[in-house]
């Protein structure tokens, strides 16, 4: 059933939060403490899937599409030092520098943020993400200063037990209010037995 405040259009991107996403041996998930990364600029997730077509009688006879991962580039003004240490596993050196280490194993993550709509805000969470490396461009100053942002590819494969890849909350939903302080582990409603 549609929400009373269902948005027709969306715009904006803010309140970016990360946390670790740990799948336990029993299939349950432990959600790490949310970390607020400032400077959210944009996120462009696209669903990755594949289609299958079976041919018979000299033409397409049966087809289906399997949806899978969500993949996209996250852009921020600049990933801060604490984020780099906690999630990218970079190391702070004795002389104050921060070192990127090759072949380091980064944790799986969840990502949560807020977007705005014509009827009100929405909050979104993506589950079980694998982060790529941080990219940025260094460029000379010309007649005007142009800010050089940083970006990182992320692939969200979703929760293995429930299949949930992302959840959208509207203002007024119970999960909307607590998403940035106590994000929920993936859980589907209990199905009634027939």
N, C-alpha and C. Protein backbone atom coordinates (compact mmCIF):
# COMPACT_ATOMS: atom_id res chain seq x y z
N UNK A 1 0.85 -1.18 0.00
CA UNK A 1 0.00 0.00 0.00
C UNK A 1 0.89 1.24 0.00
N UNK A 2 0.63 2.22 -0.89
CA UNK A 2 1.49 3.40 -0.98
C UNK A 2 1.44 4.23 0.29
N UNK A 3 2.56 4.83 0.62
CA UNK A 3 2.63 5.73 1.76
C UNK A 3 1.89 7.01 1.43
N UNK A 4 1.35 7.68 2.46
CA UNK A 4 0.65 8.94 2.25
C UNK A 4 1.60 10.01 1.71
N UNK A 5 2.88 9.90 2.09
CA UNK A 5 3.85 10.91 1.67
C UNK A 5 4.77 10.40 0.56
N UNK A 6 4.27 9.49 -0.28
CA UNK A 6 5.11 8.93 -1.33
C UNK A 6 5.54 10.01 -2.31
N UNK A 7 6.84 10.07 -2.56
CA UNK A 7 7.39 11.11 -3.43
C UNK A 7 7.22 10.77 -4.90
N UNK A 8 6.97 11.81 -5.69
CA UNK A 8 6.93 11.65 -7.14
C UNK A 8 8.31 11.86 -7.75
N UNK A 9 9.11 12.73 -7.13
CA UNK A 9 10.46 13.00 -7.60
C UNK A 9 11.41 13.05 -6.41
N UNK A 10 12.69 12.78 -6.68
CA UNK A 10 13.73 12.81 -5.64
C UNK A 10 14.86 13.73 -6.06
N UNK A 11 15.50 14.34 -5.07
CA UNK A 11 16.65 15.20 -5.31
C UNK A 11 17.44 15.29 -4.01
N UNK A 12 18.72 15.61 -4.14
CA UNK A 12 19.56 15.78 -2.97
C UNK A 12 20.20 14.49 -2.50
N UNK A 13 21.28 14.65 -1.72
CA UNK A 13 22.05 13.52 -1.19
C UNK A 13 22.83 14.03 0.00
N UNK A 14 22.51 13.53 1.20
CA UNK A 14 23.19 13.99 2.41
C UNK A 14 23.12 12.93 3.50
N UNK A 15 23.71 13.26 4.64
CA UNK A 15 23.70 12.37 5.81
C UNK A 15 24.21 10.98 5.45
N UNK A 16 25.46 10.91 5.05
CA UNK A 16 26.07 9.66 4.59
C UNK A 16 26.67 8.91 5.77
N UNK A 17 26.25 7.65 5.96
CA UNK A 17 26.74 6.82 7.05
C UNK A 17 27.26 5.48 6.53
N UNK A 18 28.35 5.02 7.13
CA UNK A 18 28.92 3.71 6.85
C UNK A 18 28.95 2.90 8.13
N UNK A 19 28.95 1.59 7.99
CA UNK A 19 29.19 0.70 9.11
C UNK A 19 29.60 -0.66 8.59
N UNK A 20 30.20 -1.47 9.44
CA UNK A 20 30.59 -2.80 9.02
C UNK A 20 29.37 -3.71 8.96
N UNK A 21 29.41 -4.64 8.03
CA UNK A 21 28.33 -5.61 7.81
C UNK A 21 28.95 -6.99 7.94
N UNK A 22 28.71 -7.66 9.07
CA UNK A 22 29.37 -8.94 9.35
C UNK A 22 28.34 -10.06 9.34
N UNK A 23 28.54 -11.02 8.44
CA UNK A 23 27.67 -12.19 8.40
C UNK A 23 28.24 -13.26 9.33
N UNK A 24 27.41 -13.70 10.25
CA UNK A 24 27.82 -14.68 11.25
C UNK A 24 27.58 -16.10 10.74
N UNK A 25 28.16 -17.09 11.42
CA UNK A 25 28.08 -18.49 10.99
C UNK A 25 26.64 -18.99 10.93
N UNK A 26 25.76 -18.48 11.78
CA UNK A 26 24.37 -18.94 11.79
C UNK A 26 23.49 -18.21 10.77
N UNK A 27 24.09 -17.34 9.96
CA UNK A 27 23.33 -16.61 8.95
C UNK A 27 22.83 -15.26 9.41
N UNK A 28 22.94 -14.99 10.70
CA UNK A 28 22.54 -13.67 11.20
C UNK A 28 23.59 -12.63 10.82
N UNK A 29 23.25 -11.37 10.99
CA UNK A 29 24.14 -10.28 10.61
C UNK A 29 24.37 -9.37 11.81
N UNK A 30 25.62 -8.94 11.99
CA UNK A 30 25.95 -7.94 12.99
C UNK A 30 26.24 -6.64 12.26
N UNK A 31 25.49 -5.60 12.63
CA UNK A 31 25.65 -4.28 12.02
C UNK A 31 26.57 -3.45 12.91
N UNK A 32 27.68 -2.98 12.34
CA UNK A 32 28.62 -2.17 13.11
C UNK A 32 28.08 -0.78 13.40
N UNK A 33 28.73 -0.11 14.33
CA UNK A 33 28.34 1.24 14.73
C UNK A 33 28.40 2.18 13.53
N UNK A 34 27.37 3.00 13.30
CA UNK A 34 27.37 3.91 12.15
C UNK A 34 28.45 4.99 12.27
N UNK A 35 29.11 5.25 11.15
CA UNK A 35 30.11 6.30 11.07
C UNK A 35 29.66 7.35 10.07
N UNK A 36 29.59 8.61 10.51
CA UNK A 36 29.12 9.70 9.67
C UNK A 36 30.28 10.28 8.86
N UNK A 37 30.22 10.10 7.53
CA UNK A 37 31.22 10.67 6.63
C UNK A 37 30.63 11.94 6.03
N UNK A 38 31.24 13.07 6.33
CA UNK A 38 30.73 14.35 5.82
C UNK A 38 31.16 14.57 4.38
N UNK A 39 30.48 15.51 3.72
CA UNK A 39 30.86 15.91 2.37
C UNK A 39 30.24 15.06 1.28
N UNK A 40 29.03 14.53 1.49
CA UNK A 40 28.36 13.70 0.48
C UNK A 40 28.09 14.52 -0.78
N UNK A 41 28.49 14.00 -1.93
CA UNK A 41 28.28 14.68 -3.21
C UNK A 41 27.32 13.90 -4.10
N UNK A 42 27.52 12.59 -4.25
CA UNK A 42 26.63 11.82 -5.11
C UNK A 42 26.90 10.33 -5.03
N UNK A 43 25.89 9.55 -5.41
CA UNK A 43 26.00 8.10 -5.46
C UNK A 43 25.17 7.63 -6.64
N UNK A 44 25.72 6.75 -7.46
CA UNK A 44 25.06 6.34 -8.70
C UNK A 44 24.93 4.82 -8.82
N UNK A 45 24.13 4.19 -7.94
CA UNK A 45 24.01 2.73 -8.02
C UNK A 45 23.17 2.30 -9.22
N UNK A 46 23.60 1.23 -9.86
CA UNK A 46 22.84 0.63 -10.96
C UNK A 46 22.71 -0.85 -10.68
N UNK A 47 21.52 -1.37 -10.97
CA UNK A 47 21.30 -2.80 -10.76
C UNK A 47 22.02 -3.60 -11.85
N UNK A 48 22.74 -4.61 -11.40
CA UNK A 48 23.43 -5.50 -12.33
C UNK A 48 22.67 -6.82 -12.35
N UNK A 49 22.31 -7.27 -13.53
CA UNK A 49 21.58 -8.53 -13.64
C UNK A 49 21.85 -9.16 -14.99
N UNK A 50 21.11 -10.20 -15.28
CA UNK A 50 21.27 -10.86 -16.57
C UNK A 50 19.93 -11.41 -17.02
N UNK A 51 19.76 -11.49 -18.34
CA UNK A 51 18.52 -12.05 -18.86
C UNK A 51 18.79 -13.36 -19.56
N UNK A 52 17.76 -14.20 -19.60
CA UNK A 52 17.86 -15.50 -20.23
C UNK A 52 16.68 -15.64 -21.17
N UNK A 53 16.97 -16.03 -22.40
CA UNK A 53 15.91 -16.25 -23.39
C UNK A 53 16.03 -17.67 -23.92
N UNK A 54 14.93 -18.40 -23.86
CA UNK A 54 14.87 -19.75 -24.43
C UNK A 54 14.09 -19.67 -25.73
N UNK A 55 14.68 -20.24 -26.77
CA UNK A 55 14.06 -20.20 -28.08
C UNK A 55 13.42 -21.54 -28.42
N UNK A 56 12.23 -21.47 -29.00
CA UNK A 56 11.52 -22.65 -29.51
C UNK A 56 10.56 -22.16 -30.60
N UNK A 57 10.13 -23.06 -31.45
CA UNK A 57 9.24 -22.69 -32.54
C UNK A 57 9.78 -21.52 -33.35
N UNK A 58 11.08 -21.51 -33.56
CA UNK A 58 11.75 -20.48 -34.35
C UNK A 58 11.61 -19.07 -33.78
N UNK A 59 11.53 -18.94 -32.47
CA UNK A 59 11.46 -17.61 -31.86
C UNK A 59 11.59 -17.67 -30.36
N UNK A 60 11.61 -16.49 -29.72
CA UNK A 60 11.66 -16.47 -28.25
C UNK A 60 10.43 -17.14 -27.67
N UNK A 61 10.64 -18.08 -26.77
CA UNK A 61 9.55 -18.89 -26.23
C UNK A 61 9.34 -18.62 -24.74
N UNK A 62 10.46 -18.40 -24.05
CA UNK A 62 10.40 -18.15 -22.61
C UNK A 62 11.59 -17.29 -22.23
N UNK A 63 11.37 -16.32 -21.34
CA UNK A 63 12.48 -15.49 -20.89
C UNK A 63 12.28 -15.08 -19.44
N UNK A 64 13.39 -14.78 -18.80
CA UNK A 64 13.32 -14.20 -17.46
C UNK A 64 14.57 -13.37 -17.22
N UNK A 65 14.48 -12.48 -16.23
CA UNK A 65 15.58 -11.59 -15.88
C UNK A 65 15.91 -11.80 -14.42
N UNK A 66 17.18 -12.00 -14.12
CA UNK A 66 17.59 -12.15 -12.73
C UNK A 66 18.26 -10.87 -12.27
N UNK A 67 17.74 -10.30 -11.22
CA UNK A 67 18.38 -9.10 -10.65
C UNK A 67 19.41 -9.56 -9.65
N UNK A 68 20.41 -8.75 -9.48
CA UNK A 68 21.47 -9.18 -8.57
C UNK A 68 22.03 -8.03 -7.78
N UNK A 69 23.24 -7.68 -8.06
CA UNK A 69 23.95 -6.70 -7.27
C UNK A 69 23.58 -5.27 -7.66
N UNK A 70 23.94 -4.35 -6.78
CA UNK A 70 23.85 -2.91 -7.05
C UNK A 70 25.29 -2.41 -7.07
N UNK A 71 25.64 -1.68 -8.11
CA UNK A 71 27.03 -1.24 -8.28
C UNK A 71 27.04 0.23 -8.67
N UNK A 72 27.94 1.01 -8.06
CA UNK A 72 28.01 2.41 -8.43
C UNK A 72 29.18 3.12 -7.77
N UNK A 73 29.38 4.35 -8.20
CA UNK A 73 30.45 5.18 -7.66
C UNK A 73 29.89 6.13 -6.60
N UNK A 74 30.55 6.16 -5.46
CA UNK A 74 30.22 7.09 -4.39
C UNK A 74 31.20 8.26 -4.48
N UNK A 75 30.68 9.48 -4.48
CA UNK A 75 31.52 10.67 -4.59
C UNK A 75 31.33 11.52 -3.34
N UNK A 76 32.45 11.91 -2.73
CA UNK A 76 32.42 12.80 -1.57
C UNK A 76 33.45 13.91 -1.78
N UNK A 77 33.31 14.97 -0.98
CA UNK A 77 34.30 16.04 -1.06
C UNK A 77 35.69 15.49 -0.78
N UNK A 78 35.80 14.75 0.32
CA UNK A 78 37.04 14.07 0.65
C UNK A 78 36.79 13.07 1.76
N UNK A 79 37.28 11.84 1.59
CA UNK A 79 37.16 10.83 2.64
C UNK A 79 38.11 11.21 3.77
N UNK A 80 37.57 11.32 4.98
CA UNK A 80 38.40 11.80 6.08
C UNK A 80 39.33 10.70 6.63
N UNK A 81 40.25 11.14 7.46
CA UNK A 81 41.30 10.27 7.99
C UNK A 81 40.72 9.09 8.76
N UNK A 82 39.73 9.34 9.60
CA UNK A 82 39.16 8.26 10.40
C UNK A 82 38.48 7.22 9.52
N UNK A 83 37.79 7.67 8.46
CA UNK A 83 37.18 6.72 7.53
C UNK A 83 38.25 5.85 6.88
N UNK A 84 39.34 6.49 6.44
CA UNK A 84 40.41 5.75 5.78
C UNK A 84 41.02 4.70 6.71
N UNK A 85 41.18 5.03 7.98
CA UNK A 85 41.74 4.09 8.93
C UNK A 85 40.75 2.96 9.24
N UNK A 86 39.50 3.33 9.49
CA UNK A 86 38.52 2.35 9.95
C UNK A 86 38.03 1.43 8.84
N UNK A 87 37.79 1.98 7.65
CA UNK A 87 37.17 1.18 6.59
C UNK A 87 38.13 0.81 5.46
N UNK A 88 39.09 1.68 5.13
CA UNK A 88 40.05 1.38 4.07
C UNK A 88 41.29 0.69 4.62
N UNK A 89 41.38 0.59 5.94
CA UNK A 89 42.49 -0.06 6.65
C UNK A 89 43.84 0.59 6.34
N UNK A 90 43.82 1.92 6.14
CA UNK A 90 45.06 2.66 6.00
C UNK A 90 45.68 2.81 7.39
N UNK A 91 46.99 3.02 7.44
CA UNK A 91 47.72 2.98 8.72
C UNK A 91 48.31 4.36 9.01
N UNK A 92 48.07 4.85 10.23
CA UNK A 92 48.67 6.11 10.66
C UNK A 92 50.09 5.85 11.12
N UNK A 93 51.02 6.60 10.58
CA UNK A 93 52.44 6.39 10.87
C UNK A 93 52.90 7.22 12.07
N UNK A 94 54.05 6.89 12.61
CA UNK A 94 54.58 7.60 13.77
C UNK A 94 54.83 9.07 13.47
N UNK A 95 55.16 9.41 12.22
CA UNK A 95 55.43 10.81 11.87
C UNK A 95 54.16 11.58 11.47
N UNK A 96 52.99 10.93 11.64
CA UNK A 96 51.73 11.62 11.36
C UNK A 96 51.12 11.33 10.01
N UNK A 97 51.89 10.73 9.11
CA UNK A 97 51.36 10.40 7.79
C UNK A 97 50.36 9.26 7.87
N UNK A 98 49.60 9.08 6.80
CA UNK A 98 48.66 7.96 6.73
C UNK A 98 48.98 7.18 5.47
N UNK A 99 49.24 5.89 5.63
CA UNK A 99 49.75 5.06 4.55
C UNK A 99 48.69 4.13 4.00
N UNK A 100 48.60 4.10 2.68
CA UNK A 100 47.76 3.13 2.00
C UNK A 100 48.57 1.85 1.85
N UNK A 101 47.98 0.71 2.19
CA UNK A 101 48.67 -0.57 2.17
C UNK A 101 48.08 -1.44 1.06
N UNK A 102 48.92 -2.01 0.21
CA UNK A 102 48.40 -2.84 -0.88
C UNK A 102 47.91 -4.19 -0.36
N UNK A 103 46.95 -4.73 -1.08
CA UNK A 103 46.38 -6.06 -0.81
C UNK A 103 45.74 -6.20 0.57
N UNK A 104 45.33 -5.09 1.16
CA UNK A 104 44.69 -5.15 2.47
C UNK A 104 43.25 -5.65 2.29
N UNK A 105 42.74 -6.39 3.27
CA UNK A 105 41.37 -6.88 3.24
C UNK A 105 40.48 -5.88 3.96
N UNK A 106 39.57 -5.27 3.21
CA UNK A 106 38.65 -4.29 3.78
C UNK A 106 37.37 -4.98 4.24
N UNK A 107 36.70 -4.43 5.24
CA UNK A 107 35.48 -5.07 5.72
C UNK A 107 34.32 -4.88 4.75
N UNK A 108 33.35 -5.78 4.82
CA UNK A 108 32.08 -5.57 4.14
C UNK A 108 31.35 -4.46 4.88
N UNK A 109 30.56 -3.68 4.15
CA UNK A 109 29.92 -2.51 4.76
C UNK A 109 28.43 -2.44 4.42
N UNK A 110 27.74 -1.60 5.19
CA UNK A 110 26.43 -1.09 4.77
C UNK A 110 26.61 0.40 4.54
N UNK A 111 25.73 0.98 3.77
CA UNK A 111 25.78 2.40 3.45
C UNK A 111 24.37 2.96 3.60
N UNK A 112 24.24 4.05 4.34
CA UNK A 112 22.93 4.68 4.54
C UNK A 112 23.03 6.17 4.25
N UNK A 113 21.95 6.75 3.74
CA UNK A 113 21.95 8.18 3.42
C UNK A 113 20.52 8.68 3.33
N UNK A 114 20.40 9.99 3.18
CA UNK A 114 19.08 10.63 3.04
C UNK A 114 19.00 11.37 1.73
N UNK A 115 17.84 11.29 1.11
CA UNK A 115 17.53 12.06 -0.08
C UNK A 115 16.21 12.79 0.17
N UNK A 116 15.94 13.80 -0.62
CA UNK A 116 14.74 14.61 -0.43
C UNK A 116 13.79 14.35 -1.58
N UNK A 117 12.50 14.52 -1.33
CA UNK A 117 11.49 14.39 -2.38
C UNK A 117 10.49 15.50 -2.29
N UNK A 118 9.59 15.55 -3.23
CA UNK A 118 8.59 16.62 -3.25
C UNK A 118 7.64 16.54 -2.06
N UNK A 119 7.48 15.36 -1.47
CA UNK A 119 6.58 15.20 -0.32
C UNK A 119 7.33 15.07 1.01
N UNK A 120 8.64 14.87 0.95
CA UNK A 120 9.39 14.73 2.19
C UNK A 120 10.63 13.89 1.98
N UNK A 121 11.44 13.74 3.04
CA UNK A 121 12.70 13.00 2.92
C UNK A 121 12.49 11.49 2.87
N UNK A 122 13.46 10.81 2.27
CA UNK A 122 13.54 9.36 2.31
C UNK A 122 14.94 8.99 2.78
N UNK A 123 15.04 7.87 3.47
CA UNK A 123 16.34 7.36 3.89
C UNK A 123 16.51 5.97 3.30
N UNK A 124 17.73 5.68 2.87
CA UNK A 124 18.02 4.45 2.13
C UNK A 124 19.21 3.74 2.78
N UNK A 125 19.15 2.42 2.84
CA UNK A 125 20.28 1.63 3.30
C UNK A 125 20.57 0.53 2.29
N UNK A 126 21.85 0.35 1.96
CA UNK A 126 22.32 -0.73 1.11
C UNK A 126 23.11 -1.70 1.98
N UNK A 127 22.94 -3.02 1.70
CA UNK A 127 23.56 -4.05 2.52
C UNK A 127 24.70 -4.78 1.80
N UNK A 128 25.71 -5.13 2.57
CA UNK A 128 26.80 -6.03 2.18
C UNK A 128 27.57 -5.50 0.96
N UNK A 129 28.31 -4.43 1.19
CA UNK A 129 29.07 -3.80 0.13
C UNK A 129 30.55 -4.11 0.18
N UNK A 130 31.16 -4.20 -1.01
CA UNK A 130 32.61 -4.35 -1.14
C UNK A 130 33.14 -3.07 -1.77
N UNK A 131 34.10 -2.43 -1.09
CA UNK A 131 34.62 -1.14 -1.53
C UNK A 131 35.85 -1.31 -2.41
N UNK A 132 35.91 -0.52 -3.47
CA UNK A 132 37.13 -0.44 -4.27
C UNK A 132 38.05 0.62 -3.69
N UNK A 133 39.03 1.04 -4.47
CA UNK A 133 39.97 2.05 -4.01
C UNK A 133 39.43 3.46 -4.20
N UNK A 134 40.01 4.41 -3.47
CA UNK A 134 39.62 5.82 -3.57
C UNK A 134 40.38 6.45 -4.72
N UNK A 135 39.67 7.15 -5.59
CA UNK A 135 40.28 7.85 -6.72
C UNK A 135 40.10 9.34 -6.56
N UNK A 136 41.10 10.10 -6.98
CA UNK A 136 40.99 11.55 -6.99
C UNK A 136 41.92 12.09 -8.04
N UNK A 137 41.66 13.30 -8.47
CA UNK A 137 42.50 13.96 -9.46
C UNK A 137 43.19 15.14 -8.79
N UNK A 138 44.46 15.30 -9.08
CA UNK A 138 45.20 16.47 -8.63
C UNK A 138 45.34 17.39 -9.84
N UNK A 139 44.95 18.64 -9.68
CA UNK A 139 44.97 19.55 -10.82
C UNK A 139 45.44 20.93 -10.38
N UNK A 140 46.09 21.62 -11.28
CA UNK A 140 46.58 22.97 -11.00
C UNK A 140 45.42 23.95 -10.84
N UNK A 141 45.67 25.04 -10.12
CA UNK A 141 44.67 26.10 -9.96
C UNK A 141 44.75 27.00 -11.18
N UNK A 142 43.60 27.25 -11.79
CA UNK A 142 43.55 28.15 -12.94
C UNK A 142 42.96 29.47 -12.49
N UNK A 143 42.14 30.11 -13.32
CA UNK A 143 41.59 31.41 -12.94
C UNK A 143 40.58 31.32 -11.80
N UNK A 144 39.98 30.13 -11.61
CA UNK A 144 39.06 29.90 -10.50
C UNK A 144 39.43 28.58 -9.83
N UNK A 145 39.22 28.51 -8.53
CA UNK A 145 39.48 27.26 -7.81
C UNK A 145 38.38 26.27 -8.14
N UNK A 146 38.78 25.07 -8.53
CA UNK A 146 37.82 24.01 -8.80
C UNK A 146 38.09 22.87 -7.82
N UNK A 147 37.09 22.54 -7.01
CA UNK A 147 37.25 21.50 -5.99
C UNK A 147 37.40 20.15 -6.68
N UNK A 148 38.39 19.38 -6.24
CA UNK A 148 38.62 18.03 -6.76
C UNK A 148 38.03 17.03 -5.75
N UNK A 149 36.97 16.36 -6.15
CA UNK A 149 36.30 15.40 -5.27
C UNK A 149 37.04 14.07 -5.28
N UNK A 150 36.63 13.18 -4.38
CA UNK A 150 37.14 11.82 -4.35
C UNK A 150 35.99 10.85 -4.60
N UNK A 151 36.29 9.75 -5.26
CA UNK A 151 35.24 8.76 -5.56
C UNK A 151 35.74 7.35 -5.26
N UNK A 152 34.77 6.46 -5.08
CA UNK A 152 35.09 5.08 -4.76
C UNK A 152 33.99 4.19 -5.31
N UNK A 153 34.34 3.14 -6.08
CA UNK A 153 33.32 2.19 -6.53
C UNK A 153 32.92 1.26 -5.38
N UNK A 154 31.63 0.97 -5.29
CA UNK A 154 31.13 0.03 -4.29
C UNK A 154 30.17 -0.92 -4.98
N UNK A 155 30.28 -2.20 -4.66
CA UNK A 155 29.35 -3.21 -5.15
C UNK A 155 28.62 -3.81 -3.97
N UNK A 156 27.29 -3.72 -3.99
CA UNK A 156 26.46 -4.29 -2.92
C UNK A 156 25.84 -5.60 -3.42
N UNK A 157 26.19 -6.69 -2.77
CA UNK A 157 25.64 -7.99 -3.15
C UNK A 157 24.42 -8.36 -2.34
N UNK A 158 24.14 -7.62 -1.28
CA UNK A 158 22.97 -7.90 -0.47
C UNK A 158 23.20 -8.99 0.56
N UNK A 159 22.24 -9.14 1.42
CA UNK A 159 22.30 -10.13 2.49
C UNK A 159 22.07 -11.53 1.91
N UNK A 160 22.92 -12.47 2.26
CA UNK A 160 22.82 -13.81 1.69
C UNK A 160 21.62 -14.60 2.22
N UNK A 161 21.19 -14.33 3.44
CA UNK A 161 20.08 -15.10 4.01
C UNK A 161 18.73 -14.61 3.49
N UNK A 162 18.51 -13.31 3.46
CA UNK A 162 17.21 -12.77 3.07
C UNK A 162 17.16 -12.34 1.61
N UNK A 163 18.32 -12.10 1.00
CA UNK A 163 18.36 -11.59 -0.36
C UNK A 163 18.18 -10.08 -0.45
N UNK A 164 17.99 -9.41 0.69
CA UNK A 164 17.76 -7.96 0.68
C UNK A 164 19.03 -7.22 0.29
N UNK A 165 18.90 -6.33 -0.71
CA UNK A 165 20.03 -5.52 -1.15
C UNK A 165 19.90 -4.10 -0.63
N UNK A 166 18.69 -3.54 -0.68
CA UNK A 166 18.48 -2.18 -0.16
C UNK A 166 17.08 -2.05 0.39
N UNK A 167 16.92 -1.07 1.30
CA UNK A 167 15.62 -0.74 1.89
C UNK A 167 15.45 0.77 1.84
N UNK A 168 14.25 1.22 1.49
CA UNK A 168 13.92 2.65 1.45
C UNK A 168 12.89 2.92 2.54
N UNK A 169 13.15 3.94 3.36
CA UNK A 169 12.23 4.35 4.41
C UNK A 169 11.70 5.75 4.12
N UNK A 170 10.39 5.93 4.33
CA UNK A 170 9.77 7.25 4.20
C UNK A 170 9.62 7.87 5.59
N UNK A 171 9.56 9.16 5.63
CA UNK A 171 9.34 9.85 6.89
C UNK A 171 8.06 9.33 7.52
N UNK A 172 8.12 8.97 8.78
CA UNK A 172 6.96 8.38 9.46
C UNK A 172 7.13 6.89 9.68
N UNK A 173 7.94 6.22 8.86
CA UNK A 173 8.23 4.80 9.09
C UNK A 173 9.08 4.68 10.36
N UNK A 174 8.88 3.61 11.11
CA UNK A 174 9.65 3.41 12.34
C UNK A 174 11.15 3.36 12.04
N UNK A 175 11.52 2.72 10.95
CA UNK A 175 12.92 2.58 10.60
C UNK A 175 13.57 3.87 10.15
N UNK A 176 12.78 4.84 9.71
CA UNK A 176 13.31 6.13 9.26
C UNK A 176 14.03 6.84 10.40
N UNK A 177 13.40 6.88 11.56
CA UNK A 177 13.92 7.65 12.69
C UNK A 177 15.22 7.07 13.26
N UNK A 178 15.39 5.75 13.17
CA UNK A 178 16.54 5.11 13.81
C UNK A 178 17.62 4.65 12.84
N UNK A 179 17.45 4.92 11.55
CA UNK A 179 18.37 4.36 10.56
C UNK A 179 19.81 4.79 10.78
N UNK A 180 20.05 6.04 11.17
CA UNK A 180 21.41 6.54 11.31
C UNK A 180 22.01 6.29 12.70
N UNK A 181 21.21 5.86 13.65
CA UNK A 181 21.71 5.59 14.99
C UNK A 181 21.72 4.10 15.32
N UNK A 182 20.73 3.37 14.80
CA UNK A 182 20.62 1.93 15.07
C UNK A 182 20.09 1.23 13.83
N UNK A 183 20.91 1.13 12.78
CA UNK A 183 20.42 0.55 11.53
C UNK A 183 20.02 -0.91 11.69
N UNK A 184 18.89 -1.31 11.07
CA UNK A 184 18.41 -2.67 11.26
C UNK A 184 19.18 -3.69 10.43
N UNK A 185 19.40 -4.85 11.01
CA UNK A 185 19.92 -5.97 10.22
C UNK A 185 18.82 -6.43 9.28
N UNK A 186 19.17 -7.00 8.14
CA UNK A 186 18.15 -7.45 7.19
C UNK A 186 17.24 -8.51 7.80
N UNK A 187 15.93 -8.31 7.66
CA UNK A 187 14.97 -9.29 8.17
C UNK A 187 13.68 -9.14 7.38
N UNK A 188 13.20 -10.24 6.83
CA UNK A 188 11.94 -10.24 6.11
C UNK A 188 10.79 -10.54 7.06
N UNK A 189 9.56 -10.12 6.72
CA UNK A 189 8.42 -10.44 7.60
C UNK A 189 8.22 -11.95 7.70
N UNK A 190 7.70 -12.35 8.83
CA UNK A 190 7.40 -13.78 9.01
C UNK A 190 6.27 -14.15 8.06
N UNK A 191 6.45 -15.24 7.33
CA UNK A 191 5.42 -15.70 6.40
C UNK A 191 4.47 -16.64 7.14
N UNK A 192 3.16 -16.42 6.93
CA UNK A 192 2.17 -17.30 7.55
C UNK A 192 2.17 -18.63 6.81
N UNK A 193 2.12 -19.72 7.57
CA UNK A 193 2.07 -21.03 6.92
C UNK A 193 0.67 -21.28 6.41
N UNK A 194 0.58 -21.96 5.29
CA UNK A 194 -0.72 -22.23 4.68
C UNK A 194 -1.32 -23.49 5.23
